[in-house]
């Protein structure tokens, strides 16, 4: 077992008792057991990180999310509602902490789901382009901080993932992108300028549609003119 895998396992074992009882705790425990089993199976033929690679690709066989959007989102020109949400380390992050620089708010349905894995992988691979434009990315979903921590570690996501867990979806509701019948948000993007105004808004017409990143970069470039 690699030192990194052992460290992640120890971290999970330390955090797991703090999770409230319920289906989410059970689901994370099952996921952890699956990762351990995958590691053991891969270890029979390879000492590499084969188990984690299997976990990274788990989204490819996960149930698809293809429903149409049901919310319009806030329009361009609106003040962006301020919020305070915890990241995967339990530290509270406020939108207003980033006044003076553009912020990209990425509302996505759920950790581990197919479209969300592809979308956030894309932003992670293009992180240098966001940084070159002086922009801060903040991912937001209704998942717990523990799910965010595990998912970010597996996918190597370096930007903050914020937990809109309790009250569930409150921030997504303020941005008019919460799907009440599903219990999670639309796939939506907002670019907030340094004064706290929404300068770009996009709600994907279907949950599995990943917004074109070129359009997002164009919106950030427009702020610099």
Foldseek 3Di string as FASTA:
>chain_A
DDPVVVVVVVVCVVCLVVDDDDDVSVVVVVLSVQLVVLCVVVVVPDPDSRSLVCLLCQQVPDDAFWAFADWDWDDAFAFQDWDWFAWLVRHTDIPLVQAPAKEKEWFAFDQSHNLVSVQQLVCQVCVVLCVVLVYAYEYEKQDDSNSNVVRCVSSVRDGTYTHCNVVQCPSLVVRGFADVVVSMGFGKIFMAGNRRGTHDIDGDRINNDRDDVVVVSVSSVVNVD
